[in-house]
Amino acid sequence: MEVTAEHNDRIAKLTFASVYPHYVTKVEKKGRTVAELHQVIEWLTGFDEKKLKALIEEQVTFKTFFVRATLHPNAHLITGLICGYRIEDLENPVTRQTRYLDKLVDELAKGKKMEKILRT
């Protein structure tokens, strides 16, 4: 699929707080825990639970969320399709990083082992 500037802009302006409840619902519906979700988010971004809560309360956009994050050195190993887009082909950093997170949440919800999700 072709990624447009409008698509990238829309993702950058989305607030993390608006999407986070959907992540929680998705993983819990599949028998995973919020603690596991937080482990995955912390692995990718470096944000612990306290910092995550502060970012949610602050209503930061995904752009701000990822500007403040310290991406894991192995984040580039997250590949594949998500929402019809091949992650490794996404040029916009915010869009790619947001799709990294989406992919990790999907893998968690699908029951993958944590070692595989965290690329260890």
PDB file of N, CA and C in Angstrom:
ATOM      1  N   MET A   1       0.837  -1.194   0.000  1.00  0.00           N
ATOM      2  CA  MET A   1       0.000   0.000   0.000  1.00  0.00           C
ATOM      3  C   MET A   1       0.877   1.251   0.000  1.00  0.00           C
ATOM      4  N   GLU A   2       0.380   2.264  -0.628  1.00  0.00           N
ATOM      5  CA  GLU A   2       1.079   3.542  -0.699  1.00  0.00           C
ATOM      6  C   GLU A   2       0.799   4.351   0.570  1.00  0.00           C
ATOM      7  N   VAL A   3       1.860   4.846   1.186  1.00  0.00           N
ATOM      8  CA  VAL A   3       1.716   5.694   2.369  1.00  0.00           C
ATOM      9  C   VAL A   3       1.729   7.143   1.914  1.00  0.00           C
ATOM     10  N   THR A   4       0.714   7.883   2.293  1.00  0.00           N
ATOM     11  CA  THR A   4       0.628   9.287   1.899  1.00  0.00           C
ATOM     12  C   THR A   4       1.070  10.190   3.045  1.00  0.00           C
ATOM     13  N   ALA A   5       1.350  11.425   2.712  1.00  0.00           N
ATOM     14  CA  ALA A   5       1.718  12.415   3.729  1.00  0.00           C
ATOM     15  C   ALA A   5       0.568  12.607   4.720  1.00  0.00           C
ATOM     16  N   GLU A   6      -0.659  12.529   4.217  1.00  0.00           N
ATOM     17  CA  GLU A   6      -1.833  12.686   5.085  1.00  0.00           C
ATOM     18  C   GLU A   6      -1.912  11.529   6.094  1.00  0.00           C
ATOM     19  N   HIS A   7      -1.605  10.337   5.630  1.00  0.00           N
ATOM     20  CA  HIS A   7      -1.604   9.160   6.502  1.00  0.00           C
ATOM     21  C   HIS A   7      -0.563   9.334   7.613  1.00  0.00           C
ATOM     22  N   ASN A   8       0.642   9.730   7.228  1.00  0.00           N
ATOM     23  CA  ASN A   8       1.709   9.950   8.207  1.00  0.00           C
ATOM     24  C   ASN A   8       1.324  11.032   9.211  1.00  0.00           C
ATOM     25  N   ASP A   9       0.719  12.100   8.712  1.00  0.00           N
ATOM     26  CA  ASP A   9       0.315  13.214   9.567  1.00  0.00           C
ATOM     27  C   ASP A   9      -0.775  12.783  10.548  1.00  0.00           C
ATOM     28  N   ARG A  10      -1.720  11.980  10.058  1.00  0.00           N
ATOM     29  CA  ARG A  10      -2.809  11.509  10.914  1.00  0.00           C
ATOM     30  C   ARG A  10      -2.266  10.654  12.066  1.00  0.00           C
ATOM     31  N   ILE A  11      -1.333   9.769  11.768  1.00  0.00           N
ATOM     32  CA  ILE A  11      -0.741   8.926  12.806  1.00  0.00           C
ATOM     33  C   ILE A  11       0.040   9.779  13.799  1.00  0.00           C
ATOM     34  N   ALA A  12       0.832  10.718  13.307  1.00  0.00           N
ATOM     35  CA  ALA A  12       1.640  11.573  14.178  1.00  0.00           C
ATOM     36  C   ALA A  12       0.781  12.370  15.151  1.00  0.00           C
ATOM     37  N   LYS A  13      -0.427  12.762  14.718  1.00  0.00           N
ATOM     38  CA  LYS A  13      -1.301  13.593  15.550  1.00  0.00           C
ATOM     39  C   LYS A  13      -2.209  12.794  16.496  1.00  0.00           C
ATOM     40  N   LEU A  14      -2.301  11.478  16.276  1.00  0.00           N
ATOM     41  CA  LEU A  14      -3.095  10.635  17.178  1.00  0.00           C
ATOM     42  C   LEU A  14      -2.497  10.672  18.575  1.00  0.00           C
ATOM     43  N   THR A  15      -3.339  10.737  19.586  1.00  0.00           N
ATOM     44  CA  THR A  15      -2.786  10.681  20.940  1.00  0.00           C
ATOM     45  C   THR A  15      -2.615   9.229  21.358  1.00  0.00           C
ATOM     46  N   PHE A  16      -1.527   8.988  22.066  1.00  0.00           N
ATOM     47  CA  PHE A  16      -1.273   7.646  22.575  1.00  0.00           C
ATOM     48  C   PHE A  16      -2.417   7.226  23.499  1.00  0.00           C
ATOM     49  N   ALA A  17      -2.925   8.167  24.290  1.00  0.00           N
ATOM     50  CA  ALA A  17      -4.008   7.871  25.241  1.00  0.00           C
ATOM     51  C   ALA A  17      -5.272   7.380  24.542  1.00  0.00           C
ATOM     52  N   SER A  18      -5.498   7.791  23.304  1.00  0.00           N
ATOM     53  CA  SER A  18      -6.702   7.363  22.586  1.00  0.00           C
ATOM     54  C   SER A  18      -6.572   5.932  22.059  1.00  0.00           C
ATOM     55  N   VAL A  19      -5.351   5.466  21.866  1.00  0.00           N
ATOM     56  CA  VAL A  19      -5.121   4.139  21.314  1.00  0.00           C
ATOM     57  C   VAL A  19      -4.832   3.107  22.410  1.00  0.00           C
ATOM     58  N   TYR A  20      -4.213   3.551  23.487  1.00  0.00           N
ATOM     59  CA  TYR A  20      -3.815   2.649  24.577  1.00  0.00           C
ATOM     60  C   TYR A  20      -4.950   1.741  25.072  1.00  0.00           C
ATOM     61  N   PRO A  21      -6.175   2.260  25.311  1.00  0.00           N
ATOM     62  CA  PRO A  21      -7.251   1.368  25.765  1.00  0.00           C
ATOM     63  C   PRO A  21      -7.554   0.243  24.768  1.00  0.00           C
ATOM     64  N   HIS A  22      -7.368   0.512  23.485  1.00  0.00           N
ATOM     65  CA  HIS A  22      -7.580  -0.520  22.460  1.00  0.00           C
ATOM     66  C   HIS A  22      -6.506  -1.601  22.558  1.00  0.00           C
ATOM     67  N   TYR A  23      -5.275  -1.199  22.876  1.00  0.00           N
ATOM     68  CA  TYR A  23      -4.206  -2.180  23.097  1.00  0.00           C
ATOM     69  C   TYR A  23      -4.572  -3.077  24.276  1.00  0.00           C
ATOM     70  N   VAL A  24      -5.017  -2.457  25.369  1.00  0.00           N
ATOM     71  CA  VAL A  24      -5.385  -3.217  26.578  1.00  0.00           C
ATOM     72  C   VAL A  24      -6.503  -4.202  26.258  1.00  0.00           C
ATOM     73  N   THR A  25      -7.553  -3.737  25.608  1.00  0.00           N
ATOM     74  CA  THR A  25      -8.684  -4.595  25.254  1.00  0.00           C
ATOM     75  C   THR A  25      -8.231  -5.757  24.382  1.00  0.00           C
ATOM     76  N   LYS A  26      -7.410  -5.459  23.399  1.00  0.00           N
ATOM     77  CA  LYS A  26      -6.947  -6.481  22.455  1.00  0.00           C
ATOM     78  C   LYS A  26      -6.183  -7.595  23.167  1.00  0.00           C
ATOM     79  N   VAL A  27      -5.240  -7.224  24.035  1.00  0.00           N
ATOM     80  CA  VAL A  27      -4.437  -8.264  24.688  1.00  0.00           C
ATOM     81  C   VAL A  27      -5.230  -9.012  25.758  1.00  0.00           C
ATOM     82  N   GLU A  28      -6.072  -8.307  26.494  1.00  0.00           N
ATOM     83  CA  GLU A  28      -6.870  -8.975  27.530  1.00  0.00           C
ATOM     84  C   GLU A  28      -7.895  -9.929  26.927  1.00  0.00           C
ATOM     85  N   LYS A  29      -8.471  -9.546  25.798  1.00  0.00           N
ATOM     86  CA  LYS A  29      -9.455 -10.399  25.122  1.00  0.00           C
ATOM     87  C   LYS A  29      -8.827 -11.733  24.717  1.00  0.00           C
ATOM     88  N   LYS A  30      -7.511 -11.718  24.481  1.00  0.00           N
ATOM     89  CA  LYS A  30      -6.801 -12.924  24.056  1.00  0.00           C
ATOM     90  C   LYS A  30      -6.078 -13.613  25.221  1.00  0.00           C
ATOM     91  N   GLY A  31      -6.408 -13.208  26.459  1.00  0.00           N
ATOM     92  CA  GLY A  31      -5.851 -13.888  27.623  1.00  0.00           C
ATOM     93  C   GLY A  31      -4.485 -13.415  28.078  1.00  0.00           C
ATOM     94  N   ARG A  32      -4.014 -12.300  27.560  1.00  0.00           N
ATOM     95  CA  ARG A  32      -2.740 -11.737  28.005  1.00  0.00           C
ATOM     96  C   ARG A  32      -3.029 -10.643  29.023  1.00  0.00           C
ATOM     97  N   THR A  33      -1.989 -10.164  29.704  1.00  0.00           N
ATOM     98  CA  THR A  33      -2.190  -9.212  30.795  1.00  0.00           C
ATOM     99  C   THR A  33      -1.685  -7.814  30.439  1.00  0.00           C
ATOM    100  N   VAL A  34      -2.162  -6.843  31.217  1.00  0.00           N
ATOM    101  CA  VAL A  34      -1.691  -5.467  31.059  1.00  0.00           C
ATOM    102  C   VAL A  34      -0.202  -5.410  31.418  1.00  0.00           C
ATOM    103  N   ALA A  35       0.217  -6.193  32.383  1.00  0.00           N
ATOM    104  CA  ALA A  35       1.640  -6.234  32.755  1.00  0.00           C
ATOM    105  C   ALA A  35       2.498  -6.672  31.565  1.00  0.00           C
ATOM    106  N   GLU A  36       2.019  -7.653  30.811  1.00  0.00           N
ATOM    107  CA  GLU A  36       2.751  -8.096  29.615  1.00  0.00           C
ATOM    108  C   GLU A  36       2.767  -6.992  28.558  1.00  0.00           C
ATOM    109  N   LEU A  37       1.644  -6.298  28.409  1.00  0.00           N
ATOM    110  CA  LEU A  37       1.579  -5.175  27.470  1.00  0.00           C
ATOM    111  C   LEU A  37       2.602  -4.119  27.864  1.00  0.00           C
ATOM    112  N   HIS A  38       2.663  -3.792  29.142  1.00  0.00           N
ATOM    113  CA  HIS A  38       3.611  -2.787  29.621  1.00  0.00           C
ATOM    114  C   HIS A  38       5.054  -3.247  29.414  1.00  0.00           C
ATOM    115  N   GLN A  39       5.296  -4.544  29.572  1.00  0.00           N
ATOM    116  CA  GLN A  39       6.641  -5.085  29.337  1.00  0.00           C
ATOM    117  C   GLN A  39       7.049  -4.865  27.878  1.00  0.00           C
ATOM    118  N   VAL A  40       6.121  -5.113  26.973  1.00  0.00           N
ATOM    119  CA  VAL A  40       6.388  -4.941  25.540  1.00  0.00           C
ATOM    120  C   VAL A  40       6.624  -3.461  25.226  1.00  0.00           C
ATOM    121  N   ILE A  41       5.794  -2.583  25.771  1.00  0.00           N
ATOM    122  CA  ILE A  41       5.947  -1.143  25.526  1.00  0.00           C
ATOM    123  C   ILE A  41       7.271  -0.647  26.099  1.00  0.00           C
ATOM    124  N   GLU A  42       7.611  -1.121  27.300  1.00  0.00           N
ATOM    125  CA  GLU A  42       8.874  -0.692  27.912  1.00  0.00           C
ATOM    126  C   GLU A  42      10.069  -1.179  27.103  1.00  0.00           C
ATOM    127  N   TRP A  43       9.990  -2.400  26.598  1.00  0.00           N
ATOM    128  CA  TRP A  43      11.083  -2.920  25.780  1.00  0.00           C
ATOM    129  C   TRP A  43      11.303  -2.025  24.553  1.00  0.00           C
ATOM    130  N   LEU A  44      10.226  -1.660  23.887  1.00  0.00           N
ATOM    131  CA  LEU A  44      10.343  -0.860  22.668  1.00  0.00           C
ATOM    132  C   LEU A  44      10.768   0.573  22.956  1.00  0.00           C
ATOM    133  N   THR A  45      10.185   1.193  23.988  1.00  0.00           N
ATOM    134  CA  THR A  45      10.336   2.642  24.181  1.00  0.00           C
ATOM    135  C   THR A  45      11.207   3.069  25.355  1.00  0.00           C
ATOM    136  N   GLY A  46      11.389   2.167  26.322  1.00  0.00           N
ATOM    137  CA  GLY A  46      12.106   2.530  27.538  1.00  0.00           C
ATOM    138  C   GLY A  46      11.199   3.135  28.601  1.00  0.00           C
ATOM    139  N   PHE A  47       9.909   3.299  28.307  1.00  0.00           N
ATOM    140  CA  PHE A  47       8.977   3.900  29.263  1.00  0.00           C
ATOM    141  C   PHE A  47       8.495   2.863  30.270  1.00  0.00           C
ATOM    142  N   ASP A  48       8.763   3.122  31.562  1.00  0.00           N
ATOM    143  CA  ASP A  48       8.213   2.243  32.584  1.00  0.00           C
ATOM    144  C   ASP A  48       6.752   2.618  32.831  1.00  0.00           C
ATOM    145  N   GLU A  49       6.105   1.884  33.711  1.00  0.00           N
ATOM    146  CA  GLU A  49       4.667   2.091  33.940  1.00  0.00           C
ATOM    147  C   GLU A  49       4.352   3.503  34.428  1.00  0.00           C
ATOM    148  N   LYS A  50       5.202   4.042  35.289  1.00  0.00           N
ATOM    149  CA  LYS A  50       4.989   5.399  35.823  1.00  0.00           C
ATOM    150  C   LYS A  50       5.070   6.439  34.696  1.00  0.00           C
ATOM    151  N   LYS A  51       6.082   6.319  33.848  1.00  0.00           N
ATOM    152  CA  LYS A  51       6.252   7.262  32.740  1.00  0.00           C
ATOM    153  C   LYS A  51       5.112   7.113  31.727  1.00  0.00           C
ATOM    154  N   LEU A  52       4.695   5.875  31.496  1.00  0.00           N
ATOM    155  CA  LEU A  52       3.596   5.613  30.573  1.00  0.00           C
ATOM    156  C   LEU A  52       2.316   6.301  31.053  1.00  0.00           C
ATOM    157  N   LYS A  53       2.048   6.174  32.340  1.00  0.00           N
ATOM    158  CA  LYS A  53       0.864   6.813  32.923  1.00  0.00           C
ATOM    159  C   LYS A  53       0.932   8.334  32.764  1.00  0.00           C
ATOM    160  N   ALA A  54       2.112   8.901  32.985  1.00  0.00           N
ATOM    161  CA  ALA A  54       2.281  10.352  32.843  1.00  0.00           C
ATOM    162  C   ALA A  54       2.044  10.801  31.398  1.00  0.00           C
ATOM    163  N   LEU A  55       2.537  10.017  30.442  1.00  0.00           N
ATOM    164  CA  LEU A  55       2.339  10.355  29.026  1.00  0.00           C
ATOM    165  C   LEU A  55       0.864  10.265  28.635  1.00  0.00           C
ATOM    166  N   ILE A  56       0.170   9.293  29.193  1.00  0.00           N
ATOM    167  CA  ILE A  56      -1.267   9.159  28.928  1.00  0.00           C
ATOM    168  C   ILE A  56      -2.015  10.356  29.501  1.00  0.00           C
ATOM    169  N   GLU A  57      -1.683  10.715  30.724  1.00  0.00           N
ATOM    170  CA  GLU A  57      -2.341  11.868  31.355  1.00  0.00           C
ATOM    171  C   GLU A  57      -2.043  13.166  30.607  1.00  0.00           C
ATOM    172  N   GLU A  58      -0.847  13.264  30.058  1.00  0.00           N
ATOM    173  CA  GLU A  58      -0.439  14.458  29.309  1.00  0.00           C
ATOM    174  C   GLU A  58      -1.073  14.516  27.920  1.00  0.00           C
ATOM    175  N   GLN A  59      -1.672  13.394  27.478  1.00  0.00           N
ATOM    176  CA  GLN A  59      -2.316  13.320  26.164  1.00  0.00           C
ATOM    177  C   GLN A  59      -1.327  13.597  25.030  1.00  0.00           C
ATOM    178  N   VAL A  60      -0.128  13.003  25.113  1.00  0.00           N
ATOM    179  CA  VAL A  60       0.874  13.231  24.073  1.00  0.00           C
ATOM    180  C   VAL A  60       0.461  12.546  22.773  1.00  0.00           C
ATOM    181  N   THR A  61       0.891  13.140  21.681  1.00  0.00           N
ATOM    182  CA  THR A  61       0.671  12.534  20.366  1.00  0.00           C
ATOM    183  C   THR A  61       1.700  11.424  20.165  1.00  0.00           C
ATOM    184  N   PHE A  62       1.473  10.585  19.160  1.00  0.00           N
ATOM    185  CA  PHE A  62       2.461   9.554  18.852  1.00  0.00           C
ATOM    186  C   PHE A  62       3.794  10.195  18.467  1.00  0.00           C
ATOM    187  N   LYS A  63       3.746  11.340  17.809  1.00  0.00           N
ATOM    188  CA  LYS A  63       4.992  12.024  17.445  1.00  0.00           C
ATOM    189  C   LYS A  63       5.793  12.351  18.702  1.00  0.00           C
ATOM    190  N   THR A  64       5.159  12.979  19.673  1.00  0.00           N
ATOM    191  CA  THR A  64       5.829  13.327  20.930  1.00  0.00           C
ATOM    192  C   THR A  64       6.242  12.073  21.688  1.00  0.00           C
ATOM    193  N   PHE A  65       5.360  11.078  21.701  1.00  0.00           N
ATOM    194  CA  PHE A  65       5.621   9.808  22.375  1.00  0.00           C
ATOM    195  C   PHE A  65       6.945   9.212  21.890  1.00  0.00           C
ATOM    196  N   PHE A  66       7.122   9.153  20.576  1.00  0.00           N
ATOM    197  CA  PHE A  66       8.333   8.532  20.041  1.00  0.00           C
ATOM    198  C   PHE A  66       9.547   9.460  20.055  1.00  0.00           C
ATOM    199  N   VAL A  67       9.335  10.773  20.057  1.00  0.00           N
ATOM    200  CA  VAL A  67      10.460  11.697  20.226  1.00  0.00           C
ATOM    201  C   VAL A  67      11.070  11.499  21.614  1.00  0.00           C
ATOM    202  N   ARG A  68      10.231  11.273  22.610  1.00  0.00           N
ATOM    203  CA  ARG A  68      10.703  11.095  23.988  1.00  0.00           C
ATOM    204  C   ARG A  68      11.205   9.683  24.270  1.00  0.00           C
ATOM    205  N   ALA A  69      10.865   8.748  23.424  1.00  0.00           N
ATOM    206  CA  ALA A  69      11.246   7.348  23.638  1.00  0.00           C
ATOM    207  C   ALA A  69      12.712   7.117  23.298  1.00  0.00           C
ATOM    208  N   THR A  70      13.260   6.088  23.933  1.00  0.00           N
ATOM    209  CA  THR A  70      14.574   5.583  23.566  1.00  0.00           C
ATOM    210  C   THR A  70      14.322   4.202  22.979  1.00  0.00           C
ATOM    211  N   LEU A  71      14.274   4.126  21.663  1.00  0.00           N
ATOM    212  CA  LEU A  71      13.938   2.858  21.013  1.00  0.00           C
ATOM    213  C   LEU A  71      14.988   1.799  21.307  1.00  0.00           C
ATOM    214  N   HIS A  72      14.508   0.588  21.514  1.00  0.00           N
ATOM    215  CA  HIS A  72      15.392  -0.545  21.751  1.00  0.00           C
ATOM    216  C   HIS A  72      16.288  -0.740  20.525  1.00  0.00           C
ATOM    217  N   PRO A  73      17.563  -1.069  20.736  1.00  0.00           N
ATOM    218  CA  PRO A  73      18.461  -1.263  19.597  1.00  0.00           C
ATOM    219  C   PRO A  73      18.001  -2.351  18.619  1.00  0.00           C
ATOM    220  N   ASN A  74      17.187  -3.301  19.080  1.00  0.00           N
ATOM    221  CA  ASN A  74      16.702  -4.363  18.202  1.00  0.00           C
ATOM    222  C   ASN A  74      15.343  -4.068  17.580  1.00  0.00           C
ATOM    223  N   ALA A  75      14.843  -2.855  17.729  1.00  0.00           N
ATOM    224  CA  ALA A  75      13.527  -2.508  17.168  1.00  0.00           C
ATOM    225  C   ALA A  75      13.496  -2.724  15.658  1.00  0.00           C
ATOM    226  N   HIS A  76      14.633  -2.536  15.013  1.00  0.00           N
ATOM    227  CA  HIS A  76      14.683  -2.712  13.550  1.00  0.00           C
ATOM    228  C   HIS A  76      14.399  -4.160  13.129  1.00  0.00           C
ATOM    229  N   LEU A  77      14.449  -5.085  14.081  1.00  0.00           N
ATOM    230  CA  LEU A  77      14.157  -6.493  13.778  1.00  0.00           C
ATOM    231  C   LEU A  77      12.651  -6.766  13.671  1.00  0.00           C
ATOM    232  N   ILE A  78      11.845  -5.771  14.015  1.00  0.00           N
ATOM    233  CA  ILE A  78      10.385  -5.912  13.904  1.00  0.00           C
ATOM    234  C   ILE A  78      10.025  -5.692  12.445  1.00  0.00           C
ATOM    235  N   THR A  79       9.586  -6.753  11.795  1.00  0.00           N
ATOM    236  CA  THR A  79       9.273  -6.680  10.367  1.00  0.00           C
ATOM    237  C   THR A  79       7.932  -7.351  10.107  1.00  0.00           C
ATOM    238  N   GLY A  80       7.480  -7.245   8.893  1.00  0.00           N
ATOM    239  CA  GLY A  80       6.248  -7.901   8.493  1.00  0.00           C
ATOM    240  C   GLY A  80       5.163  -6.918   8.139  1.00  0.00           C
ATOM    241  N   LEU A  81       3.963  -7.453   7.950  1.00  0.00           N
ATOM    242  CA  LEU A  81       2.816  -6.633   7.568  1.00  0.00           C
ATOM    243  C   LEU A  81       1.989  -6.255   8.784  1.00  0.00           C
ATOM    244  N   ILE A  82       1.550  -5.011   8.800  1.00  0.00           N
ATOM    245  CA  ILE A  82       0.611  -4.540   9.817  1.00  0.00           C
ATOM    246  C   ILE A  82      -0.290  -3.512   9.148  1.00  0.00           C
ATOM    247  N   CYS A  83      -1.576  -3.728   9.250  1.00  0.00           N
ATOM    248  CA  CYS A  83      -2.563  -2.824   8.633  1.00  0.00           C
ATOM    249  C   CYS A  83      -2.317  -2.646   7.134  1.00  0.00           C
ATOM    250  N   GLY A  84      -1.812  -3.700   6.491  1.00  0.00           N
ATOM    251  CA  GLY A  84      -1.589  -3.649   5.058  1.00  0.00           C
ATOM    252  C   GLY A  84      -0.281  -3.002   4.631  1.00  0.00           C
ATOM    253  N   TYR A  85       0.535  -2.594   5.592  1.00  0.00           N
ATOM    254  CA  TYR A  85       1.808  -1.939   5.286  1.00  0.00           C
ATOM    255  C   TYR A  85       2.972  -2.825   5.728  1.00  0.00           C
ATOM    256  N   ARG A  86       4.005  -2.913   4.903  1.00  0.00           N
ATOM    257  CA  ARG A  86       5.212  -3.642   5.270  1.00  0.00           C
ATOM    258  C   ARG A  86       6.059  -2.701   6.117  1.00  0.00           C
ATOM    259  N   ILE A  87       6.235  -3.045   7.383  1.00  0.00           N
ATOM    260  CA  ILE A  87       6.891  -2.161   8.349  1.00  0.00           C
ATOM    261  C   ILE A  87       8.267  -1.698   7.875  1.00  0.00           C
ATOM    262  N   GLU A  88       9.067  -2.629   7.402  1.00  0.00           N
ATOM    263  CA  GLU A  88      10.445  -2.282   7.019  1.00  0.00           C
ATOM    264  C   GLU A  88      10.516  -1.335   5.824  1.00  0.00           C
ATOM    265  N   ASP A  89       9.430  -1.158   5.106  1.00  0.00           N
ATOM    266  CA  ASP A  89       9.404  -0.246   3.955  1.00  0.00           C
ATOM    267  C   ASP A  89       8.894   1.148   4.302  1.00  0.00           C
ATOM    268  N   LEU A  90       8.407   1.340   5.520  1.00  0.00           N
ATOM    269  CA  LEU A  90       7.878   2.647   5.915  1.00  0.00           C
ATOM    270  C   LEU A  90       9.030   3.628   6.117  1.00  0.00           C
ATOM    271  N   GLU A  91       8.985   4.744   5.415  1.00  0.00           N
ATOM    272  CA  GLU A  91      10.069   5.713   5.476  1.00  0.00           C
ATOM    273  C   GLU A  91       9.902   6.712   6.611  1.00  0.00           C
ATOM    274  N   ASN A  92       8.670   7.097   6.912  1.00  0.00           N
ATOM    275  CA  ASN A  92       8.435   8.070   7.975  1.00  0.00           C
ATOM    276  C   ASN A  92       8.721   7.424   9.328  1.00  0.00           C
ATOM    277  N   PRO A  93       9.634   7.999  10.127  1.00  0.00           N
ATOM    278  CA  PRO A  93      10.007   7.361  11.388  1.00  0.00           C
ATOM    279  C   PRO A  93       8.853   7.215  12.388  1.00  0.00           C
ATOM    280  N   VAL A  94       8.002   8.204  12.512  1.00  0.00           N
ATOM    281  CA  VAL A  94       6.892   8.110  13.471  1.00  0.00           C
ATOM    282  C   VAL A  94       5.908   7.022  13.047  1.00  0.00           C
ATOM    283  N   THR A  95       5.594   6.970  11.767  1.00  0.00           N
ATOM    284  CA  THR A  95       4.694   5.937  11.264  1.00  0.00           C
ATOM    285  C   THR A  95       5.308   4.561  11.478  1.00  0.00           C
ATOM    286  N   ARG A  96       6.589   4.415  11.165  1.00  0.00           N
ATOM    287  CA  ARG A  96       7.263   3.122  11.331  1.00  0.00           C
ATOM    288  C   ARG A  96       7.287   2.705  12.806  1.00  0.00           C
ATOM    289  N   GLN A  97       7.612   3.635  13.689  1.00  0.00           N
ATOM    290  CA  GLN A  97       7.688   3.315  15.114  1.00  0.00           C
ATOM    291  C   GLN A  97       6.310   2.977  15.686  1.00  0.00           C
ATOM    292  N   THR A  98       5.292   3.685  15.225  1.00  0.00           N
ATOM    293  CA  THR A  98       3.926   3.376  15.654  1.00  0.00           C
ATOM    294  C   THR A  98       3.536   1.975  15.188  1.00  0.00           C
ATOM    295  N   ARG A  99       3.905   1.631  13.982  1.00  0.00           N
ATOM    296  CA  ARG A  99       3.616   0.284  13.457  1.00  0.00           C
ATOM    297  C   ARG A  99       4.447  -0.779  14.164  1.00  0.00           C
ATOM    298  N   TYR A 100       5.658  -0.427  14.628  1.00  0.00           N
ATOM    299  CA  TYR A 100       6.422  -1.361  15.466  1.00  0.00           C
ATOM    300  C   TYR A 100       5.578  -1.735  16.688  1.00  0.00           C
ATOM    301  N   LEU A 101       5.044  -0.713  17.340  1.00  0.00           N
ATOM    302  CA  LEU A 101       4.243  -0.944  18.539  1.00  0.00           C
ATOM    303  C   LEU A 101       2.997  -1.757  18.215  1.00  0.00           C
ATOM    304  N   ASP A 102       2.320  -1.412  17.133  1.00  0.00           N
ATOM    305  CA  ASP A 102       1.136  -2.175  16.715  1.00  0.00           C
ATOM    306  C   ASP A 102       1.478  -3.640  16.495  1.00  0.00           C
ATOM    307  N   LYS A 103       2.607  -3.886  15.850  1.00  0.00           N
ATOM    308  CA  LYS A 103       3.028  -5.259  15.547  1.00  0.00           C
ATOM    309  C   LYS A 103       3.315  -6.036  16.835  1.00  0.00           C
ATOM    310  N   LEU A 104       3.981  -5.399  17.781  1.00  0.00           N
ATOM    311  CA  LEU A 104       4.276  -6.064  19.054  1.00  0.00           C
ATOM    312  C   LEU A 104       2.995  -6.404  19.809  1.00  0.00           C
ATOM    313  N   VAL A 105       2.052  -5.479  19.811  1.00  0.00           N
ATOM    314  CA  VAL A 105       0.761  -5.727  20.474  1.00  0.00           C
ATOM    315  C   VAL A 105       0.037  -6.882  19.782  1.00  0.00           C
ATOM    316  N   ASP A 106       0.056  -6.906  18.463  1.00  0.00           N
ATOM    317  CA  ASP A 106      -0.559  -8.015  17.710  1.00  0.00           C
ATOM    318  C   ASP A 106       0.084  -9.348  18.071  1.00  0.00           C
ATOM    319  N   GLU A 107       1.406  -9.369  18.115  1.00  0.00           N
ATOM    320  CA  GLU A 107       2.108 -10.611  18.446  1.00  0.00           C
ATOM    321  C   GLU A 107       1.773 -11.079  19.856  1.00  0.00           C
ATOM    322  N   LEU A 108       1.670 -10.141  20.785  1.00  0.00           N
ATOM    323  CA  LEU A 108       1.291 -10.479  22.154  1.00  0.00           C
ATOM    324  C   LEU A 108      -0.113 -11.068  22.176  1.00  0.00           C
ATOM    325  N   ALA A 109      -1.033 -10.422  21.478  1.00  0.00           N
ATOM    326  CA  ALA A 109      -2.424 -10.890  21.442  1.00  0.00           C
ATOM    327  C   ALA A 109      -2.551 -12.256  20.759  1.00  0.00           C
ATOM    328  N   LYS A 110      -1.663 -12.531  19.809  1.00  0.00           N
ATOM    329  CA  LYS A 110      -1.722 -13.813  19.100  1.00  0.00           C
ATOM    330  C   LYS A 110      -1.082 -14.953  19.888  1.00  0.00           C
ATOM    331  N   GLY A 111      -0.559 -14.638  21.075  1.00  0.00           N
ATOM    332  CA  GLY A 111      -0.027 -15.690  21.927  1.00  0.00           C
ATOM    333  C   GLY A 111       1.429 -16.040  21.711  1.00  0.00           C
ATOM    334  N   LYS A 112       2.151 -15.203  20.981  1.00  0.00           N
ATOM    335  CA  LYS A 112       3.575 -15.479  20.788  1.00  0.00           C
ATOM    336  C   LYS A 112       4.296 -15.448  22.137  1.00  0.00           C
ATOM    337  N   LYS A 113       5.373 -16.211  22.235  1.00  0.00           N
ATOM    338  CA  LYS A 113       6.180 -16.214  23.450  1.00  0.00           C
ATOM    339  C   LYS A 113       6.893 -14.870  23.584  1.00  0.00           C
ATOM    340  N   MET A 114       7.021 -14.427  24.836  1.00  0.00           N
ATOM    341  CA  MET A 114       7.624 -13.122  25.102  1.00  0.00           C
ATOM    342  C   MET A 114       9.045 -13.027  24.543  1.00  0.00           C
ATOM    343  N   GLU A 115       9.812 -14.112  24.590  1.00  0.00           N
ATOM    344  CA  GLU A 115      11.187 -14.074  24.062  1.00  0.00           C
ATOM    345  C   GLU A 115      11.190 -13.732  22.566  1.00  0.00           C
ATOM    346  N   LYS A 116      10.215 -14.245  21.848  1.00  0.00           N
ATOM    347  CA  LYS A 116      10.119 -13.961  20.406  1.00  0.00           C
ATOM    348  C   LYS A 116       9.673 -12.524  20.165  1.00  0.00           C
ATOM    349  N   ILE A 117       8.685 -12.085  20.952  1.00  0.00           N
ATOM    350  CA  ILE A 117       8.170 -10.722  20.802  1.00  0.00           C
ATOM    351  C   ILE A 117       9.283  -9.714  21.057  1.00  0.00           C
ATOM    352  N   LEU A 118      10.096  -9.972  22.082  1.00  0.00           N
ATOM    353  CA  LEU A 118      11.148  -9.029  22.479  1.00  0.00           C
ATOM    354  C   LEU A 118      12.444  -9.233  21.698  1.00  0.00           C
ATOM    355  N   ARG A 119      12.384 -10.054  20.676  1.00  0.00           N
ATOM    356  CA  ARG A 119      13.510 -10.266  19.765  1.00  0.00           C
ATOM    357  C   ARG A 119      14.791 -10.614  20.509  1.00  0.00           C
ATOM    358  N   THR A 120      14.684 -11.571  21.454  1.00  0.00           N
ATOM    359  CA  THR A 120      15.869 -12.010  22.196  1.00  0.00           C
ATOM    360  C   THR A 120      16.388 -13.322  21.673  1.00  0.00           C
TER     361      THR A 120
END
